[in-house]
C-alpha atoms as a PDB file:
ATOM      1  CA  UNK A   1      -5.364 -19.827  -7.308  1.00  0.00           C
ATOM      2  CA  UNK A   2      -3.301 -16.751  -6.485  1.00  0.00           C
ATOM      3  CA  UNK A   3      -4.047 -15.174  -3.105  1.00  0.00           C
ATOM      4  CA  UNK A   4      -5.148 -11.514  -3.212  1.00  0.00           C
ATOM      5  CA  UNK A   5      -1.943 -10.297  -1.559  1.00  0.00           C
ATOM      6  CA  UNK A   6       0.135 -12.082  -4.212  1.00  0.00           C
ATOM      7  CA  UNK A   7      -1.705 -10.200  -6.970  1.00  0.00           C
ATOM      8  CA  UNK A   8       0.000  -6.971  -5.968  1.00  0.00           C
ATOM      9  CA  UNK A   9       3.721  -6.492  -6.128  1.00  0.00           C
ATOM     10  CA  UNK A  10       5.860  -5.186  -3.331  1.00  0.00           C
ATOM     11  CA  UNK A  11       8.563  -2.701  -4.056  1.00  0.00           C
ATOM     12  CA  UNK A  12      11.952  -2.331  -2.508  1.00  0.00           C
ATOM     13  CA  UNK A  13      13.743   0.905  -3.099  1.00  0.00           C
ATOM     14  CA  UNK A  14      17.453   0.808  -2.368  1.00  0.00           C
ATOM     15  CA  UNK A  15      18.110   0.465   1.328  1.00  0.00           C
ATOM     16  CA  UNK A  16      15.587   3.038   2.487  1.00  0.00           C
ATOM     17  CA  UNK A  17      11.949   2.714   1.440  1.00  0.00           C
ATOM     18  CA  UNK A  18      10.023  -0.536   1.158  1.00  0.00           C
ATOM     19  CA  UNK A  19       6.305  -0.868   0.465  1.00  0.00           C
ATOM     20  CA  UNK A  20       4.663  -4.235   0.990  1.00  0.00           C
ATOM     21  CA  UNK A  21       1.045  -5.341   0.819  1.00  0.00           C
ATOM     22  CA  UNK A  22       0.517  -7.531   3.869  1.00  0.00           C
ATOM     23  CA  UNK A  23      -3.146  -8.235   3.157  1.00  0.00           C
ATOM     24  CA  UNK A  24      -5.202  -7.252   0.145  1.00  0.00           C
ATOM     25  CA  UNK A  25      -8.903  -6.468  -0.041  1.00  0.00           C
ATOM     26  CA  UNK A  26     -10.916  -9.695   0.052  1.00  0.00           C
ATOM     27  CA  UNK A  27     -14.420 -10.971   0.685  1.00  0.00           C
ATOM     28  CA  UNK A  28     -15.257 -12.048   4.247  1.00  0.00           C
ATOM     29  CA  UNK A  29     -18.305 -13.951   5.368  1.00  0.00           C
ATOM     30  CA  UNK A  30     -21.291 -15.069   3.384  1.00  0.00           C
ATOM     31  CA  UNK A  31     -24.421 -13.454   4.803  1.00  0.00           C
ATOM     32  CA  UNK A  32     -24.009 -10.620   3.918  1.00  0.00           C
ATOM     33  CA  UNK A  33     -20.532 -10.734   2.445  1.00  0.00           C
ATOM     34  CA  UNK A  34     -18.243  -7.892   3.457  1.00  0.00           C
ATOM     35  CA  UNK A  35     -14.963  -6.643   2.036  1.00  0.00           C
ATOM     36  CA  UNK A  36     -12.069  -6.898   4.494  1.00  0.00           C
ATOM     37  CA  UNK A  37      -9.551  -4.065   4.705  1.00  0.00           C
ATOM     38  CA  UNK A  38      -6.202  -4.132   2.970  1.00  0.00           C
ATOM     39  CA  UNK A  39      -3.013  -3.653   4.987  1.00  0.00           C
ATOM     40  CA  UNK A  40       0.102  -2.014   3.571  1.00  0.00           C
ATOM     41  CA  UNK A  41       3.449  -1.773   5.348  1.00  0.00           C
ATOM     42  CA  UNK A  42       5.837   1.083   4.593  1.00  0.00           C
ATOM     43  CA  UNK A  43       9.405   0.993   5.894  1.00  0.00           C
ATOM     44  CA  UNK A  44      11.587   4.083   5.521  1.00  0.00           C
ATOM     45  CA  UNK A  45      15.176   5.087   6.193  1.00  0.00           C
ATOM     46  CA  UNK A  46      16.119   6.521   9.582  1.00  0.00           C
ATOM     47  CA  UNK A  47      16.352  10.063   8.248  1.00  0.00           C
ATOM     48  CA  UNK A  48      12.873   9.915   6.719  1.00  0.00           C
ATOM     49  CA  UNK A  49      10.903   8.634   9.724  1.00  0.00           C
ATOM     50  CA  UNK A  50       9.579  11.971  11.007  1.00  0.00           C
ATOM     51  CA  UNK A  51       8.601  13.232   7.557  1.00  0.00           C
ATOM     52  CA  UNK A  52       6.919   9.918   6.670  1.00  0.00           C
ATOM     53  CA  UNK A  53       5.039   9.979   9.983  1.00  0.00           C
ATOM     54  CA  UNK A  54       3.813  13.504   9.259  1.00  0.00           C
ATOM     55  CA  UNK A  55       2.769  12.679   5.668  1.00  0.00           C
ATOM     56  CA  UNK A  56       0.961   9.465   6.607  1.00  0.00           C
ATOM     57  CA  UNK A  57      -0.705  10.864   9.748  1.00  0.00           C
ATOM     58  CA  UNK A  58      -2.065  13.842   7.834  1.00  0.00           C
ATOM     59  CA  UNK A  59      -3.181  11.613   4.962  1.00  0.00           C
ATOM     60  CA  UNK A  60      -4.935   9.141   7.260  1.00  0.00           C
ATOM     61  CA  UNK A  61      -7.105  11.912   8.683  1.00  0.00           C
ATOM     62  CA  UNK A  62      -8.265  12.907   5.196  1.00  0.00           C
ATOM     63  CA  UNK A  63      -8.131   9.534   3.442  1.00  0.00           C
ATOM     64  CA  UNK A  64     -10.352   7.537   5.785  1.00  0.00           C
ATOM     65  CA  UNK A  65      -7.680   5.001   6.715  1.00  0.00           C
ATOM     66  CA  UNK A  66      -5.618   4.198   9.793  1.00  0.00           C
ATOM     67  CA  UNK A  67      -1.858   4.586  10.049  1.00  0.00           C
ATOM     68  CA  UNK A  68      -0.090   2.777  12.876  1.00  0.00           C
ATOM     69  CA  UNK A  69       3.439   4.186  13.236  1.00  0.00           C
ATOM     70  CA  UNK A  70       6.352   2.257  14.710  1.00  0.00           C
ATOM     71  CA  UNK A  71       9.113   4.880  14.679  1.00  0.00           C
ATOM     72  CA  UNK A  72      11.676   2.690  16.421  1.00  0.00           C
ATOM     73  CA  UNK A  73      11.610   0.130  13.613  1.00  0.00           C
ATOM     74  CA  UNK A  74      10.973   2.845  10.958  1.00  0.00           C
ATOM     75  CA  UNK A  75       7.773   1.101   9.926  1.00  0.00           C
ATOM     76  CA  UNK A  76       4.213   2.248   9.276  1.00  0.00           C
ATOM     77  CA  UNK A  77       1.243  -0.055   8.928  1.00  0.00           C
ATOM     78  CA  UNK A  78      -1.660   1.387   6.953  1.00  0.00           C
ATOM     79  CA  UNK A  79      -5.078  -0.252   7.308  1.00  0.00           C
ATOM     80  CA  UNK A  80      -7.285   0.573   4.324  1.00  0.00           C
ATOM     81  CA  UNK A  81     -11.012  -0.075   4.714  1.00  0.00           C
ATOM     82  CA  UNK A  82     -12.930  -0.539   1.449  1.00  0.00           C
ATOM     83  CA  UNK A  83     -14.222   3.039   1.608  1.00  0.00           C
ATOM     84  CA  UNK A  84     -10.760   4.591   2.030  1.00  0.00           C
ATOM     85  CA  UNK A  85      -9.535   7.224  -0.397  1.00  0.00           C
ATOM     86  CA  UNK A  86      -6.588   5.589  -2.135  1.00  0.00           C
ATOM     87  CA  UNK A  87      -5.643   8.799  -3.953  1.00  0.00           C
ATOM     88  CA  UNK A  88      -4.816  10.370  -0.562  1.00  0.00           C
ATOM     89  CA  UNK A  89      -2.523   7.428   0.274  1.00  0.00           C
ATOM     90  CA  UNK A  90      -0.947   7.760  -3.175  1.00  0.00           C
ATOM     91  CA  UNK A  91      -0.168  11.433  -2.545  1.00  0.00           C
ATOM     92  CA  UNK A  92       1.424  10.633   0.838  1.00  0.00           C
ATOM     93  CA  UNK A  93       3.543   7.843  -0.670  1.00  0.00           C
ATOM     94  CA  UNK A  94       4.663  10.148  -3.469  1.00  0.00           C
ATOM     95  CA  UNK A  95       5.727  12.714  -0.862  1.00  0.00           C
ATOM     96  CA  UNK A  96       7.720  10.049   0.989  1.00  0.00           C
ATOM     97  CA  UNK A  97       9.387   8.902  -2.238  1.00  0.00           C
ATOM     98  CA  UNK A  98      10.212  12.511  -3.144  1.00  0.00           C
ATOM     99  CA  UNK A  99      11.630  13.158   0.350  1.00  0.00           C
ATOM    100  CA  UNK A 100      13.938  10.131   0.126  1.00  0.00           C
ATOM    101  CA  UNK A 101      17.667  10.756  -0.208  1.00  0.00           C
ATOM    102  CA  UNK A 102      19.390   9.314  -3.266  1.00  0.00           C
ATOM    103  CA  UNK A 103      17.871   8.208  -6.544  1.00  0.00           C
ATOM    104  CA  UNK A 104      17.878   4.408  -6.248  1.00  0.00           C
ATOM    105  CA  UNK A 105      14.537   4.274  -4.440  1.00  0.00           C
ATOM    106  CA  UNK A 106      11.019   3.556  -5.483  1.00  0.00           C
ATOM    107  CA  UNK A 107       9.852   5.585  -8.451  1.00  0.00           C
ATOM    108  CA  UNK A 108       6.605   7.573  -8.626  1.00  0.00           C
ATOM    109  CA  UNK A 109       5.489   5.178 -11.379  1.00  0.00           C
ATOM    110  CA  UNK A 110       5.764   2.249  -8.977  1.00  0.00           C
ATOM    111  CA  UNK A 111       3.650   4.111  -6.412  1.00  0.00           C
ATOM    112  CA  UNK A 112       1.025   4.735  -9.111  1.00  0.00           C
ATOM    113  CA  UNK A 113       1.136   1.044 -10.110  1.00  0.00           C
ATOM    114  CA  UNK A 114       0.653  -0.026  -6.487  1.00  0.00           C
ATOM    115  CA  UNK A 115      -2.354   2.232  -5.980  1.00  0.00           C
ATOM    116  CA  UNK A 116      -3.858   1.119  -9.308  1.00  0.00           C
ATOM    117  CA  UNK A 117      -3.445  -2.539  -8.312  1.00  0.00           C
ATOM    118  CA  UNK A 118      -5.035  -1.880  -4.903  1.00  0.00           C
ATOM    119  CA  UNK A 119      -7.957  -0.140  -6.607  1.00  0.00           C
ATOM    120  CA  UNK A 120      -8.440  -3.081  -8.994  1.00  0.00           C
ATOM    121  CA  UNK A 121      -8.345  -5.526  -6.063  1.00  0.00           C
ATOM    122  CA  UNK A 122     -10.848  -3.419  -4.140  1.00  0.00           C
ATOM    123  CA  UNK A 123     -13.248  -3.258  -7.109  1.00  0.00           C
ATOM    124  CA  UNK A 124     -12.872  -6.999  -7.689  1.00  0.00           C
ATOM    125  CA  UNK A 125     -13.763  -7.687  -4.038  1.00  0.00           C
ATOM    126  CA  UNK A 126     -16.652  -5.214  -3.980  1.00  0.00           C
ATOM    127  CA  UNK A 127     -18.072  -6.764  -7.163  1.00  0.00           C
ATOM    128  CA  UNK A 128     -17.745 -10.234  -5.596  1.00  0.00           C
ATOM    129  CA  UNK A 129     -15.300 -11.609  -8.149  1.00  0.00           C
ATOM    130  CA  UNK A 130     -12.519 -13.547  -6.411  1.00  0.00           C
ATOM    131  CA  UNK A 131     -11.031 -14.991  -9.606  1.00  0.00           C
ATOM    132  CA  UNK A 132      -7.511 -13.830 -10.469  1.00  0.00           C
ATOM    133  CA  UNK A 133      -7.829 -10.709 -12.553  1.00  0.00           C
ATOM    134  CA  UNK A 134      -5.653  -7.811 -13.607  1.00  0.00           C
ATOM    135  CA  UNK A 135      -2.476  -7.838 -11.608  1.00  0.00           C
ATOM    136  CA  UNK A 136      -2.453 -11.584 -11.096  1.00  0.00           C
ATOM    137  CA  UNK A 137       1.024 -12.887 -11.494  1.00  0.00           C
ATOM    138  CA  UNK A 138       2.661  -9.470 -11.101  1.00  0.00           C
ATOM    139  CA  UNK A 139       6.269 -10.025 -10.231  1.00  0.00           C
ATOM    140  CA  UNK A 140       8.047  -8.433  -7.301  1.00  0.00           C
ATOM    141  CA  UNK A 141      10.114  -5.483  -8.422  1.00  0.00           C
ATOM    142  CA  UNK A 142      13.381  -4.832  -6.691  1.00  0.00           C
ATOM    143  CA  UNK A 143      15.708  -1.908  -7.210  1.00  0.00           C
ATOM    144  CA  UNK A 144      19.025  -1.677  -5.534  1.00  0.00           C
END
């Protein structure tokens, strides 16, 4: 069986932006079962740290999720509860991708694919279906 985090690809964009799902939505407990939050890690280039921090901090306030910045290591950990607004995270990630220098990075289509896969995983967990579904077996995409 494929673990929920393996159902969703991670994307590496050149040497600057990386997006990785550390933990996907999943079912916890049995009485009553609850959906655990997903965790996404975003790593950006040195020149994009302040902008990414601003985009993600603003988005977390409106998207009902938590962003834990680590500016020294250019990394942001986003904790997405089941009720989070994934479209707000998508918009922030698209802003980060657009801000990035160069054109070898992650594409907007890959951001859309990531958010779609997270939404499918969330719905699968909420509906109580832990069987591999859409997105199972997605391969890691690397650009560089």
